[in-house]
Protein backbone atom coordinates (compact mmCIF):
# COMPACT_ATOMS: atom_id res chain seq x y z
CA MET A 1 31.95 -36.55 -18.65
CA ASN A 2 31.76 -32.89 -18.43
CA ALA A 3 30.69 -30.77 -20.72
CA LYS A 4 33.64 -28.38 -21.63
CA VAL A 5 31.34 -25.78 -24.34
CA GLN A 6 27.48 -25.70 -23.87
CA LEU A 7 25.59 -23.69 -26.33
CA HIS A 8 22.10 -22.67 -24.89
CA ASN A 9 19.65 -20.62 -27.35
CA MET A 10 22.96 -19.37 -29.48
CA ASN A 11 21.88 -17.79 -32.73
CA VAL A 12 23.72 -16.34 -35.38
CA HIS A 13 22.77 -13.65 -37.73
CA PHE A 14 24.74 -12.15 -40.98
CA GLY A 15 22.29 -8.72 -41.50
CA GLU A 16 18.92 -9.88 -42.22
CA ASN A 17 19.99 -14.04 -43.05
CA HIS A 18 19.38 -16.21 -39.64
CA ALA A 19 22.06 -18.68 -40.04
CA VAL A 20 22.34 -20.61 -37.32
CA LYS A 21 18.79 -20.92 -35.38
CA ASN A 22 18.39 -21.58 -31.68
CA VAL A 23 21.02 -24.18 -31.07
CA THR A 24 21.58 -25.68 -27.53
CA MET A 25 24.20 -28.72 -27.27
CA ASP A 26 27.14 -29.50 -25.19
CA PHE A 27 30.57 -30.50 -26.14
CA LEU A 28 32.15 -33.27 -23.80
CA GLU A 29 35.15 -32.62 -22.66
CA ASN A 30 38.55 -34.83 -24.45
CA SER A 31 35.88 -36.10 -26.86
CA VAL A 32 35.22 -35.55 -30.28
CA THR A 33 31.98 -34.13 -31.76
CA ALA A 34 31.56 -34.57 -35.56
CA ILE A 35 29.03 -31.80 -37.00
CA ILE A 36 27.52 -33.02 -40.42
CA GLY A 37 24.75 -31.75 -42.53
CA PRO A 38 24.19 -30.45 -46.23
CA SER A 39 26.13 -26.99 -47.51
CA GLY A 40 25.01 -24.36 -46.54
CA CYS A 41 23.16 -25.87 -43.30
CA GLY A 42 25.17 -23.62 -40.48
CA LYS A 43 28.13 -26.51 -39.97
CA SER A 44 31.19 -23.91 -39.98
CA THR A 45 29.05 -20.93 -38.51
CA VAL A 46 28.41 -23.26 -35.61
CA LEU A 47 32.00 -23.59 -35.50
CA ARG A 48 33.39 -20.09 -35.82
CA ALA A 49 30.53 -18.97 -32.95
CA LEU A 50 32.59 -21.05 -30.72
CA ASN A 51 36.02 -18.86 -30.90
CA ARG A 52 34.42 -15.64 -31.65
CA MET A 53 35.69 -15.47 -35.44
CA HIS A 54 32.39 -14.30 -36.52
CA ASP A 55 33.75 -10.97 -34.76
CA LEU A 56 35.64 -9.93 -37.70
CA THR A 57 32.59 -10.03 -39.63
CA ALA A 58 30.55 -7.36 -40.73
CA GLY A 59 27.11 -7.20 -39.85
CA SER A 60 27.25 -10.46 -37.65
CA LYS A 61 26.03 -11.09 -34.46
CA VAL A 62 25.97 -14.26 -31.82
CA SER A 63 23.19 -14.21 -29.27
CA GLY A 64 22.19 -16.95 -26.91
CA SER A 65 25.19 -18.17 -24.76
CA VAL A 66 28.22 -19.20 -25.38
CA MET A 67 29.75 -21.23 -22.41
CA LEU A 68 33.42 -22.34 -22.24
CA ASP A 69 34.11 -23.83 -18.70
CA GLY A 70 30.94 -22.24 -17.41
CA ALA A 71 31.89 -18.72 -18.62
CA ASP A 72 30.24 -16.94 -21.30
CA ILE A 73 32.91 -16.38 -24.12
CA TYR A 74 30.45 -13.39 -25.11
CA ASP A 75 30.23 -11.56 -22.25
CA ARG A 76 31.24 -8.13 -21.82
CA GLY A 77 35.19 -7.66 -20.99
CA VAL A 78 36.01 -11.07 -22.38
CA ASP A 79 39.01 -10.57 -24.81
CA PRO A 80 38.61 -12.44 -28.08
CA VAL A 81 42.41 -12.93 -28.64
CA SER A 82 42.58 -14.81 -25.02
CA ILE A 83 39.51 -16.83 -26.10
CA ARG A 84 41.53 -18.00 -29.58
CA ARG A 85 44.77 -18.72 -27.68
CA ARG A 86 42.26 -21.57 -25.37
CA VAL A 87 39.91 -22.40 -28.45
CA GLY A 88 42.47 -23.22 -31.65
CA MET A 89 41.10 -23.55 -35.27
CA VAL A 90 42.37 -25.72 -37.86
CA PHE A 91 40.84 -24.51 -41.38
CA GLN A 92 39.91 -26.55 -44.49
CA LYS A 93 42.95 -25.95 -46.46
CA PRO A 94 46.22 -26.03 -44.96
CA ASN A 95 47.27 -22.18 -44.08
CA PRO A 96 51.32 -22.33 -43.12
CA PHE A 97 52.49 -18.47 -42.58
CA PRO A 98 54.52 -18.71 -46.30
CA ALA A 99 56.98 -16.58 -45.68
CA MET A 100 58.27 -18.39 -42.77
CA SER A 101 60.27 -21.41 -41.83
CA ILE A 102 58.95 -24.70 -40.25
CA TYR A 103 60.02 -23.88 -37.10
CA ASP A 104 58.97 -20.14 -36.96
CA ASN A 105 55.54 -21.38 -38.04
CA VAL A 106 55.24 -23.75 -34.91
CA ILE A 107 56.12 -21.15 -32.48
CA ALA A 108 54.29 -18.18 -34.53
CA GLY A 109 51.55 -17.90 -31.53
CA TYR A 110 54.55 -17.12 -28.71
CA LYS A 111 55.73 -14.36 -31.13
CA LEU A 112 53.01 -12.61 -31.33
CA SER A 113 52.31 -13.01 -27.76
CA GLY A 114 55.69 -12.08 -25.77
CA ARG A 115 59.25 -13.38 -26.22
CA ILE A 116 60.54 -16.96 -24.76
CA SER A 117 63.85 -18.46 -24.72
CA ARG A 118 65.67 -20.61 -27.68
CA SER A 119 65.40 -23.84 -25.68
CA GLN A 120 61.96 -22.88 -24.81
CA ALA A 121 61.36 -22.46 -28.23
CA GLU A 122 63.08 -25.66 -29.27
CA GLU A 123 61.19 -27.55 -26.92
CA ILE A 124 57.79 -26.40 -28.07
CA VAL A 125 58.73 -26.91 -31.60
CA GLU A 126 60.04 -30.85 -30.93
CA SER A 127 57.09 -31.44 -28.46
CA SER A 128 54.14 -30.15 -30.85
CA LEU A 129 55.80 -31.71 -34.34
CA VAL A 130 56.06 -35.09 -32.53
CA ARG A 131 52.73 -35.07 -31.30
CA VAL A 132 51.25 -34.62 -34.72
CA ALA A 133 53.62 -37.17 -35.90
CA LEU A 134 55.86 -34.83 -38.22
CA TRP A 135 58.85 -34.62 -36.47
CA GLU A 136 60.64 -37.73 -38.02
CA GLU A 137 60.27 -36.03 -41.45
CA VAL A 138 61.27 -32.53 -40.95
CA LYS A 139 64.06 -32.33 -37.70
CA ASP A 140 66.67 -32.21 -40.26
CA ARG A 141 64.85 -29.18 -42.08
CA LEU A 142 63.64 -26.91 -39.72
CA LYS A 143 64.40 -23.67 -41.16
CA ALA A 144 62.98 -24.78 -44.43
CA ASN A 145 59.88 -22.68 -45.82
CA ALA A 146 56.82 -24.02 -44.77
CA MET A 147 55.46 -24.36 -48.32
CA GLU A 148 58.02 -26.89 -49.34
CA LEU A 149 56.05 -29.43 -47.32
CA SER A 150 53.48 -31.78 -49.26
CA GLY A 151 49.53 -30.66 -48.50
CA GLY A 152 49.17 -33.28 -46.21
CA GLN A 153 52.61 -32.51 -44.01
CA GLN A 154 51.32 -28.43 -44.26
CA GLN A 155 48.24 -29.53 -42.43
CA ARG A 156 49.86 -31.28 -39.53
CA LEU A 157 52.00 -28.46 -39.19
CA CYS A 158 49.14 -26.52 -39.17
CA ILE A 159 47.84 -28.58 -36.23
CA ALA A 160 51.18 -28.37 -34.75
CA ARG A 161 50.66 -24.37 -34.29
CA THR A 162 47.44 -24.50 -32.94
CA ILE A 163 48.76 -27.32 -29.99
CA ALA A 164 51.96 -25.36 -29.41
CA VAL A 165 49.92 -22.51 -27.54
CA LYS A 166 48.32 -24.96 -25.10
CA PRO A 167 44.45 -24.63 -26.15
CA GLU A 168 42.14 -26.57 -24.85
CA VAL A 169 39.53 -26.96 -27.60
CA ILE A 170 40.62 -27.64 -31.52
CA LEU A 171 37.74 -26.95 -34.08
CA MET A 172 38.28 -28.30 -37.28
CA ASP A 173 36.80 -27.28 -40.19
CA GLU A 174 37.03 -30.12 -42.73
CA PRO A 175 40.47 -30.90 -42.37
CA ALA A 176 40.90 -33.19 -44.41
CA SER A 177 38.71 -31.97 -47.48
CA ALA A 178 41.85 -30.65 -49.60
CA LEU A 179 44.08 -33.93 -48.76
CA ASP A 180 44.66 -37.32 -50.45
CA PRO A 181 43.89 -40.67 -48.63
CA ILE A 182 46.84 -41.55 -47.11
CA SER A 183 47.26 -37.84 -45.88
CA THR A 184 43.49 -38.26 -44.23
CA LEU A 185 43.94 -41.33 -42.55
CA LYS A 186 46.83 -39.58 -40.83
CA ILE A 187 44.93 -36.85 -39.64
CA GLU A 188 41.98 -38.95 -38.66
CA GLU A 189 44.87 -41.15 -36.86
CA LEU A 190 45.91 -37.74 -35.32
CA ILE A 191 42.22 -36.75 -33.87
CA ASP A 192 41.84 -40.01 -31.80
CA GLU A 193 45.05 -39.61 -30.60
CA LEU A 194 44.64 -35.54 -29.66
CA LYS A 195 41.53 -36.07 -28.05
CA GLU A 196 43.37 -37.52 -24.91
CA LYS A 197 44.50 -34.15 -23.86
CA TYR A 198 41.94 -31.86 -26.00
CA THR A 199 38.37 -31.26 -26.73
CA ILE A 200 37.90 -31.73 -30.30
CA ILE A 201 35.14 -30.26 -32.79
CA ILE A 202 35.22 -31.57 -36.35
CA VAL A 203 33.24 -30.09 -39.24
CA THR A 204 33.30 -32.71 -42.24
CA HIS A 205 31.05 -33.26 -45.09
CA ASN A 206 32.55 -36.97 -45.17
CA MET A 207 29.93 -38.93 -43.29
CA GLN A 208 32.49 -41.84 -43.18
CA GLN A 209 35.31 -39.71 -41.62
CA ALA A 210 32.65 -38.49 -39.16
CA ALA A 211 31.52 -42.37 -38.52
CA ARG A 212 35.56 -43.06 -37.80
CA VAL A 213 36.44 -40.17 -35.50
CA SER A 214 33.58 -38.90 -33.78
CA ASP A 215 31.96 -40.05 -30.05
CA ILE A 216 29.55 -37.72 -30.89
CA THR A 217 27.56 -36.53 -33.54
CA ALA A 218 25.39 -33.57 -34.57
CA PHE A 219 23.35 -33.02 -37.67
CA PHE A 220 22.18 -29.83 -38.81
CA TYR A 221 20.09 -28.67 -41.59
CA LEU A 222 18.84 -24.98 -42.30
CA GLY A 223 20.52 -23.49 -39.80
CA GLU A 224 18.89 -25.84 -36.95
CA LEU A 225 20.34 -28.80 -34.54
CA ILE A 226 17.91 -31.62 -35.98
CA GLU A 227 19.42 -34.33 -33.96
CA CYS A 228 22.97 -34.98 -31.55
CA GLY A 229 23.94 -38.10 -29.94
CA GLU A 230 26.19 -41.07 -29.73
CA THR A 231 28.03 -41.77 -33.31
CA LYS A 232 26.93 -45.06 -33.19
CA LYS A 233 22.97 -44.67 -32.61
CA ILE A 234 23.14 -41.50 -34.88
CA PHE A 235 24.55 -43.75 -37.68
CA THR A 236 22.50 -47.29 -37.09
CA ASN A 237 19.36 -46.27 -35.15
CA PRO A 238 18.73 -42.07 -35.57
CA ASP A 239 15.49 -40.69 -33.62
CA LYS A 240 14.70 -38.36 -36.77
CA LYS A 241 13.69 -39.44 -39.66
CA HIS A 242 15.47 -36.00 -41.53
CA THR A 243 18.73 -37.65 -40.01
CA GLU A 244 17.89 -40.91 -41.27
CA ASP A 245 17.43 -39.64 -44.44
CA TYR A 246 20.46 -37.81 -44.61
CA ILE A 247 22.93 -40.45 -43.56
CA THR A 248 20.95 -43.41 -46.22
CA GLY A 249 22.01 -40.36 -49.03
CA ARG A 250 18.34 -40.16 -49.75
CA PHE A 251 19.00 -36.08 -49.77
CA GLY A 252 22.43 -33.83 -49.50
């Protein structure tokens, strides 16, 4: 399997705070990598460095390299908006655009980037909603406000909005933490299906979820990558005692 994203000595600073320290790791194509670790360990900070979200935070600095298909996304002259089109993001809380319909939410990325025909838009909306298993639930009310959907439906809509613009990588920051168990199961099933077409990187505080959905697991602690490997091995026979102590609940 090829590496889609490669980090080499990546550091993230927020002013004097050295939040992520010398991280070197690969994210493999068409796989799910889970990032686990206690609160404040740098999980979400790593995730947001992968599509230049920190550009929007005053005083932040990313150093080292973040390679996407062999090209550094932080090179001078690289447009961060084009990177975010290739590396989509799904947030912890569902965040559909509140003043928009379900239909308009799905094609929002196209409205920002240029015109598409009505037939193209309809095709994109249907195919994206089918992929997230939402089409049958909403096909008769596409013009309804997206905020009328349940929390689980809203999160699947946000994933549909992300994949509508055909990214190559999908970042998910605790995508099911605000959802009920049934909606969580649907999101997990969806992640398993989506990896056929996308490279998925998920931050989760739920270790059972990491074990269920991921191929690779990376354990972070105090901004450092402690261990990374096949999920089964990380959860049954980790190399580092620190990893074992976290997974067995000796600290958190």
